[in-house]
Amino acid sequence: MTRLKLLERLKTLQQMPPHVKRDITTVSAMLSTEALARHVELCEIAAGVPPMADGRAESGPVRASLRA
């Protein structure tokens, strides 16, 4: 996924209840694309939404573990 798509996804996740009162976007300026992808993945897990891959939601259950 491109950096732009990751940032758009992060902006969407920012509006979800688990993240509304937290700033999850500012850190993105300091992250590499790979680290940003991981950050987005962890934010998706915290929000309880299916992870995105190439701009589409992946099928299957959301992973429960935050460990790599």
PDB file of N, CA and C in Angstrom:
ATOM      1  N   MET A   1       0.856  -1.169   0.000  1.00  0.00           N
ATOM      2  CA  MET A   1       0.000   0.000   0.000  1.00  0.00           C
ATOM      3  C   MET A   1       0.903   1.233   0.000  1.00  0.00           C
ATOM      4  N   THR A   2       0.520   2.249  -0.744  1.00  0.00           N
ATOM      5  CA  THR A   2       1.342   3.458  -0.813  1.00  0.00           C
ATOM      6  C   THR A   2       1.232   4.263   0.478  1.00  0.00           C
ATOM      7  N   ARG A   3       2.196   5.142   0.681  1.00  0.00           N
ATOM      8  CA  ARG A   3       2.187   5.995   1.875  1.00  0.00           C
ATOM      9  C   ARG A   3       0.910   6.843   1.913  1.00  0.00           C
ATOM     10  N   LEU A   4       0.498   7.344   0.748  1.00  0.00           N
ATOM     11  CA  LEU A   4      -0.720   8.153   0.689  1.00  0.00           C
ATOM     12  C   LEU A   4      -1.938   7.350   1.148  1.00  0.00           C
ATOM     13  N   LYS A   5      -2.063   6.116   0.678  1.00  0.00           N
ATOM     14  CA  LYS A   5      -3.190   5.263   1.085  1.00  0.00           C
ATOM     15  C   LYS A   5      -3.137   4.981   2.586  1.00  0.00           C
ATOM     16  N   LEU A   6      -1.935   4.763   3.112  1.00  0.00           N
ATOM     17  CA  LEU A   6      -1.788   4.520   4.546  1.00  0.00           C
ATOM     18  C   LEU A   6      -2.224   5.741   5.352  1.00  0.00           C
ATOM     19  N   LEU A   7      -1.829   6.922   4.895  1.00  0.00           N
ATOM     20  CA  LEU A   7      -2.221   8.154   5.598  1.00  0.00           C
ATOM     21  C   LEU A   7      -3.730   8.389   5.526  1.00  0.00           C
ATOM     22  N   GLU A   8      -4.329   8.074   4.389  1.00  0.00           N
ATOM     23  CA  GLU A   8      -5.785   8.199   4.263  1.00  0.00           C
ATOM     24  C   GLU A   8      -6.481   7.229   5.208  1.00  0.00           C
ATOM     25  N   ARG A   9      -5.968   6.003   5.288  1.00  0.00           N
ATOM     26  CA  ARG A   9      -6.545   5.004   6.192  1.00  0.00           C
ATOM     27  C   ARG A   9      -6.405   5.460   7.638  1.00  0.00           C
ATOM     28  N   LEU A  10      -5.253   6.005   7.991  1.00  0.00           N
ATOM     29  CA  LEU A  10      -5.020   6.483   9.348  1.00  0.00           C
ATOM     30  C   LEU A  10      -5.985   7.615   9.699  1.00  0.00           C
ATOM     31  N   LYS A  11      -6.239   8.489   8.745  1.00  0.00           N
ATOM     32  CA  LYS A  11      -7.196   9.585   8.964  1.00  0.00           C
ATOM     33  C   LYS A  11      -8.588   9.037   9.243  1.00  0.00           C
ATOM     34  N   THR A  12      -8.980   7.989   8.518  1.00  0.00           N
ATOM     35  CA  THR A  12     -10.271   7.339   8.755  1.00  0.00           C
ATOM     36  C   THR A  12     -10.310   6.707  10.138  1.00  0.00           C
ATOM     37  N   LEU A  13      -9.235   6.023  10.507  1.00  0.00           N
ATOM     38  CA  LEU A  13      -9.172   5.368  11.817  1.00  0.00           C
ATOM     39  C   LEU A  13      -9.217   6.385  12.952  1.00  0.00           C
ATOM     40  N   GLN A  14      -8.669   7.581  12.724  1.00  0.00           N
ATOM     41  CA  GLN A  14      -8.667   8.627  13.749  1.00  0.00           C
ATOM     42  C   GLN A  14     -10.084   8.984  14.193  1.00  0.00           C
ATOM     43  N   GLN A  15     -11.054   8.828  13.305  1.00  0.00           N
ATOM     44  CA  GLN A  15     -12.445   9.187  13.602  1.00  0.00           C
ATOM     45  C   GLN A  15     -13.211   8.087  14.341  1.00  0.00           C
ATOM     46  N   MET A  16     -12.618   6.917  14.516  1.00  0.00           N
ATOM     47  CA  MET A  16     -13.293   5.790  15.163  1.00  0.00           C
ATOM     48  C   MET A  16     -13.193   5.916  16.681  1.00  0.00           C
ATOM     49  N   PRO A  17     -14.215   5.429  17.393  1.00  0.00           N
ATOM     50  CA  PRO A  17     -14.292   5.609  18.851  1.00  0.00           C
ATOM     51  C   PRO A  17     -13.020   5.324  19.659  1.00  0.00           C
ATOM     52  N   PRO A  18     -12.278   4.264  19.400  1.00  0.00           N
ATOM     53  CA  PRO A  18     -11.094   4.050  20.244  1.00  0.00           C
ATOM     54  C   PRO A  18     -10.009   5.117  20.078  1.00  0.00           C
ATOM     55  N   HIS A  19     -10.052   5.872  18.997  1.00  0.00           N
ATOM     56  CA  HIS A  19      -8.985   6.828  18.707  1.00  0.00           C
ATOM     57  C   HIS A  19      -9.425   8.289  18.735  1.00  0.00           C
ATOM     58  N   VAL A  20     -10.687   8.566  18.952  1.00  0.00           N
ATOM     59  CA  VAL A  20     -11.198   9.941  18.877  1.00  0.00           C
ATOM     60  C   VAL A  20     -10.455  10.879  19.830  1.00  0.00           C
ATOM     61  N   LYS A  21     -10.158  10.434  21.031  1.00  0.00           N
ATOM     62  CA  LYS A  21      -9.518  11.307  22.017  1.00  0.00           C
ATOM     63  C   LYS A  21      -7.997  11.154  22.043  1.00  0.00           C
ATOM     64  N   ARG A  22      -7.449  10.424  21.047  1.00  0.00           N
ATOM     65  CA  ARG A  22      -6.005  10.232  20.945  1.00  0.00           C
ATOM     66  C   ARG A  22      -5.544  10.712  19.573  1.00  0.00           C
ATOM     67  N   ASP A  23      -4.356  11.269  19.532  1.00  0.00           N
ATOM     68  CA  ASP A  23      -3.788  11.678  18.244  1.00  0.00           C
ATOM     69  C   ASP A  23      -2.937  10.531  17.718  1.00  0.00           C
ATOM     70  N   ILE A  24      -3.445   9.826  16.708  1.00  0.00           N
ATOM     71  CA  ILE A  24      -2.700   8.712  16.124  1.00  0.00           C
ATOM     72  C   ILE A  24      -2.046   9.097  14.800  1.00  0.00           C
ATOM     73  N   THR A  25      -2.201  10.356  14.395  1.00  0.00           N
ATOM     74  CA  THR A  25      -1.712  10.761  13.073  1.00  0.00           C
ATOM     75  C   THR A  25      -0.381  11.510  13.095  1.00  0.00           C
ATOM     76  N   THR A  26      -0.094  12.287  14.119  1.00  0.00           N
ATOM     77  CA  THR A  26       1.109  13.121  14.135  1.00  0.00           C
ATOM     78  C   THR A  26       2.384  12.298  14.017  1.00  0.00           C
ATOM     79  N   VAL A  27       2.418  11.154  14.653  1.00  0.00           N
ATOM     80  CA  VAL A  27       3.606  10.299  14.626  1.00  0.00           C
ATOM     81  C   VAL A  27       3.940   9.841  13.210  1.00  0.00           C
ATOM     82  N   SER A  28       2.974   9.853  12.323  1.00  0.00           N
ATOM     83  CA  SER A  28       3.194   9.367  10.954  1.00  0.00           C
ATOM     84  C   SER A  28       4.279  10.150  10.223  1.00  0.00           C
ATOM     85  N   ALA A  29       4.497  11.397  10.591  1.00  0.00           N
ATOM     86  CA  ALA A  29       5.517  12.210   9.937  1.00  0.00           C
ATOM     87  C   ALA A  29       6.927  11.690  10.198  1.00  0.00           C
ATOM     88  N   MET A  30       7.104  10.970  11.285  1.00  0.00           N
ATOM     89  CA  MET A  30       8.430  10.489  11.660  1.00  0.00           C
ATOM     90  C   MET A  30       8.659   9.024  11.309  1.00  0.00           C
ATOM     91  N   LEU A  31       7.645   8.344  10.786  1.00  0.00           N
ATOM     92  CA  LEU A  31       7.746   6.919  10.529  1.00  0.00           C
ATOM     93  C   LEU A  31       8.111   6.615   9.082  1.00  0.00           C
ATOM     94  N   SER A  32       8.886   5.557   8.895  1.00  0.00           N
ATOM     95  CA  SER A  32       9.134   5.070   7.540  1.00  0.00           C
ATOM     96  C   SER A  32       7.829   4.486   7.018  1.00  0.00           C
ATOM     97  N   THR A  33       7.757   4.209   5.742  1.00  0.00           N
ATOM     98  CA  THR A  33       6.539   3.631   5.171  1.00  0.00           C
ATOM     99  C   THR A  33       6.223   2.285   5.814  1.00  0.00           C
ATOM    100  N   GLU A  34       7.248   1.485   6.067  1.00  0.00           N
ATOM    101  CA  GLU A  34       7.037   0.178   6.695  1.00  0.00           C
ATOM    102  C   GLU A  34       6.510   0.334   8.119  1.00  0.00           C
ATOM    103  N   ALA A  35       7.104   1.265   8.872  1.00  0.00           N
ATOM    104  CA  ALA A  35       6.654   1.507  10.244  1.00  0.00           C
ATOM    105  C   ALA A  35       5.239   2.090  10.246  1.00  0.00           C
ATOM    106  N   LEU A  36       4.928   2.934   9.274  1.00  0.00           N
ATOM    107  CA  LEU A  36       3.584   3.497   9.164  1.00  0.00           C
ATOM    108  C   LEU A  36       2.568   2.400   8.883  1.00  0.00           C
ATOM    109  N   ALA A  37       2.923   1.456   8.032  1.00  0.00           N
ATOM    110  CA  ALA A  37       2.024   0.335   7.740  1.00  0.00           C
ATOM    111  C   ALA A  37       1.738  -0.459   9.010  1.00  0.00           C
ATOM    112  N   ARG A  38       2.751  -0.679   9.820  1.00  0.00           N
ATOM    113  CA  ARG A  38       2.567  -1.410  11.086  1.00  0.00           C
ATOM    114  C   ARG A  38       1.701  -0.597  12.045  1.00  0.00           C
ATOM    115  N   HIS A  39       1.929   0.705  12.111  1.00  0.00           N
ATOM    116  CA  HIS A  39       1.135   1.585  12.972  1.00  0.00           C
ATOM    117  C   HIS A  39      -0.342   1.536  12.572  1.00  0.00           C
ATOM    118  N   VAL A  40      -0.603   1.613  11.277  1.00  0.00           N
ATOM    119  CA  VAL A  40      -1.979   1.529  10.775  1.00  0.00           C
ATOM    120  C   VAL A  40      -2.581   0.177  11.142  1.00  0.00           C
ATOM    121  N   GLU A  41      -1.810  -0.874  10.977  1.00  0.00           N
ATOM    122  CA  GLU A  41      -2.293  -2.221  11.321  1.00  0.00           C
ATOM    123  C   GLU A  41      -2.677  -2.316  12.798  1.00  0.00           C
ATOM    124  N   LEU A  42      -1.845  -1.779  13.673  1.00  0.00           N
ATOM    125  CA  LEU A  42      -2.147  -1.823  15.102  1.00  0.00           C
ATOM    126  C   LEU A  42      -3.366  -0.962  15.449  1.00  0.00           C
ATOM    127  N   CYS A  43      -3.504   0.166  14.781  1.00  0.00           N
ATOM    128  CA  CYS A  43      -4.681   1.018  15.004  1.00  0.00           C
ATOM    129  C   CYS A  43      -5.952   0.332  14.519  1.00  0.00           C
ATOM    130  N   GLU A  44      -5.854  -0.420  13.425  1.00  0.00           N
ATOM    131  CA  GLU A  44      -7.007  -1.191  12.926  1.00  0.00           C
ATOM    132  C   GLU A  44      -7.406  -2.254  13.938  1.00  0.00           C
ATOM    133  N   ILE A  45      -6.428  -2.935  14.486  1.00  0.00           N
ATOM    134  CA  ILE A  45      -6.710  -3.969  15.491  1.00  0.00           C
ATOM    135  C   ILE A  45      -7.379  -3.340  16.702  1.00  0.00           C
ATOM    136  N   ALA A  46      -6.846  -2.221  17.175  1.00  0.00           N
ATOM    137  CA  ALA A  46      -7.421  -1.539  18.339  1.00  0.00           C
ATOM    138  C   ALA A  46      -8.855  -1.084  18.083  1.00  0.00           C
ATOM    139  N   ALA A  47      -9.140  -0.699  16.840  1.00  0.00           N
ATOM    140  CA  ALA A  47     -10.487  -0.244  16.484  1.00  0.00           C
ATOM    141  C   ALA A  47     -11.424  -1.410  16.181  1.00  0.00           C
ATOM    142  N   GLY A  48     -10.858  -2.613  16.030  1.00  0.00           N
ATOM    143  CA  GLY A  48     -11.683  -3.789  15.750  1.00  0.00           C
ATOM    144  C   GLY A  48     -12.194  -3.842  14.322  1.00  0.00           C
ATOM    145  N   VAL A  49     -11.435  -3.281  13.401  1.00  0.00           N
ATOM    146  CA  VAL A  49     -11.831  -3.307  11.987  1.00  0.00           C
ATOM    147  C   VAL A  49     -10.887  -4.221  11.208  1.00  0.00           C
ATOM    148  N   PRO A  50     -11.365  -4.792  10.104  1.00  0.00           N
ATOM    149  CA  PRO A  50     -10.499  -5.661   9.306  1.00  0.00           C
ATOM    150  C   PRO A  50      -9.324  -4.886   8.725  1.00  0.00           C
ATOM    151  N   PRO A  51      -8.148  -5.486   8.734  1.00  0.00           N
ATOM    152  CA  PRO A  51      -6.987  -4.815   8.146  1.00  0.00           C
ATOM    153  C   PRO A  51      -7.175  -4.571   6.660  1.00  0.00           C
ATOM    154  N   MET A  52      -6.576  -3.505   6.164  1.00  0.00           N
ATOM    155  CA  MET A  52      -6.647  -3.175   4.748  1.00  0.00           C
ATOM    156  C   MET A  52      -5.399  -3.706   4.052  1.00  0.00           C
ATOM    157  N   ALA A  53      -5.577  -4.159   2.822  1.00  0.00           N
ATOM    158  CA  ALA A  53      -4.448  -4.580   1.989  1.00  0.00           C
ATOM    159  C   ALA A  53      -4.725  -4.077   0.578  1.00  0.00           C
ATOM    160  N   ASP A  54      -3.834  -3.283   0.055  1.00  0.00           N
ATOM    161  CA  ASP A  54      -4.008  -2.710  -1.284  1.00  0.00           C
ATOM    162  C   ASP A  54      -5.320  -1.954  -1.411  1.00  0.00           C
ATOM    163  N   GLY A  55      -5.746  -1.289  -0.318  1.00  0.00           N
ATOM    164  CA  GLY A  55      -6.945  -0.475  -0.370  1.00  0.00           C
ATOM    165  C   GLY A  55      -8.245  -1.242  -0.189  1.00  0.00           C
ATOM    166  N   ARG A  56      -8.167  -2.563   0.032  1.00  0.00           N
ATOM    167  CA  ARG A  56      -9.387  -3.367   0.225  1.00  0.00           C
ATOM    168  C   ARG A  56      -9.292  -4.072   1.566  1.00  0.00           C
ATOM    169  N   ALA A  57     -10.416  -4.227   2.221  1.00  0.00           N
ATOM    170  CA  ALA A  57     -10.433  -4.963   3.480  1.00  0.00           C
ATOM    171  C   ALA A  57     -10.125  -6.424   3.207  1.00  0.00           C
ATOM    172  N   GLU A  58      -9.259  -7.000   4.041  1.00  0.00           N
ATOM    173  CA  GLU A  58      -8.965  -8.418   3.909  1.00  0.00           C
ATOM    174  C   GLU A  58     -10.093  -9.208   4.541  1.00  0.00           C
ATOM    175  N   SER A  59     -10.360 -10.375   4.002  1.00  0.00           N
ATOM    176  CA  SER A  59     -11.381 -11.216   4.608  1.00  0.00           C
ATOM    177  C   SER A  59     -10.756 -11.983   5.756  1.00  0.00           C
ATOM    178  N   GLY A  60     -11.587 -12.434   6.659  1.00  0.00           N
ATOM    179  CA  GLY A  60     -11.099 -13.217   7.785  1.00  0.00           C
ATOM    180  C   GLY A  60     -11.186 -12.413   9.067  1.00  0.00           C
ATOM    181  N   PRO A  61     -10.966 -13.085  10.177  1.00  0.00           N
ATOM    182  CA  PRO A  61     -11.087 -12.431  11.476  1.00  0.00           C
ATOM    183  C   PRO A  61      -9.942 -11.458  11.733  1.00  0.00           C
ATOM    184  N   VAL A  62     -10.198 -10.493  12.578  1.00  0.00           N
ATOM    185  CA  VAL A  62      -9.172  -9.533  12.980  1.00  0.00           C
ATOM    186  C   VAL A  62      -8.270 -10.237  13.980  1.00  0.00           C
ATOM    187  N   ARG A  63      -6.971 -10.068  13.797  1.00  0.00           N
ATOM    188  CA  ARG A  63      -6.031 -10.682  14.742  1.00  0.00           C
ATOM    189  C   ARG A  63      -6.147 -10.038  16.097  1.00  0.00           C
ATOM    190  N   ALA A  64      -6.111 -10.829  17.141  1.00  0.00           N
ATOM    191  CA  ALA A  64      -6.276 -10.337  18.499  1.00  0.00           C
ATOM    192  C   ALA A  64      -4.962  -9.880  19.116  1.00  0.00           C
ATOM    193  N   SER A  65      -3.851 -10.393  18.666  1.00  0.00           N
ATOM    194  CA  SER A  65      -2.570 -10.101  19.275  1.00  0.00           C
ATOM    195  C   SER A  65      -1.972  -8.811  18.715  1.00  0.00           C
ATOM    196  N   LEU A  66      -1.343  -8.034  19.562  1.00  0.00           N
ATOM    197  CA  LEU A  66      -0.658  -6.820  19.122  1.00  0.00           C
ATOM    198  C   LEU A  66       0.820  -7.091  18.898  1.00  0.00           C
ATOM    199  N   ARG A  67       1.276  -8.276  19.210  1.00  0.00           N
ATOM    200  CA  ARG A  67       2.679  -8.625  19.013  1.00  0.00           C
ATOM    201  C   ARG A  67       2.939  -9.061  17.598  1.00  0.00           C
ATOM    202  N   ALA A  68       4.121  -8.737  17.106  1.00  0.00           N
ATOM    203  CA  ALA A  68       4.499  -9.118  15.731  1.00  0.00           C
ATOM    204  C   ALA A  68       4.847 -10.580  15.657  1.00  0.00           C
TER     205      ALA A  68
END
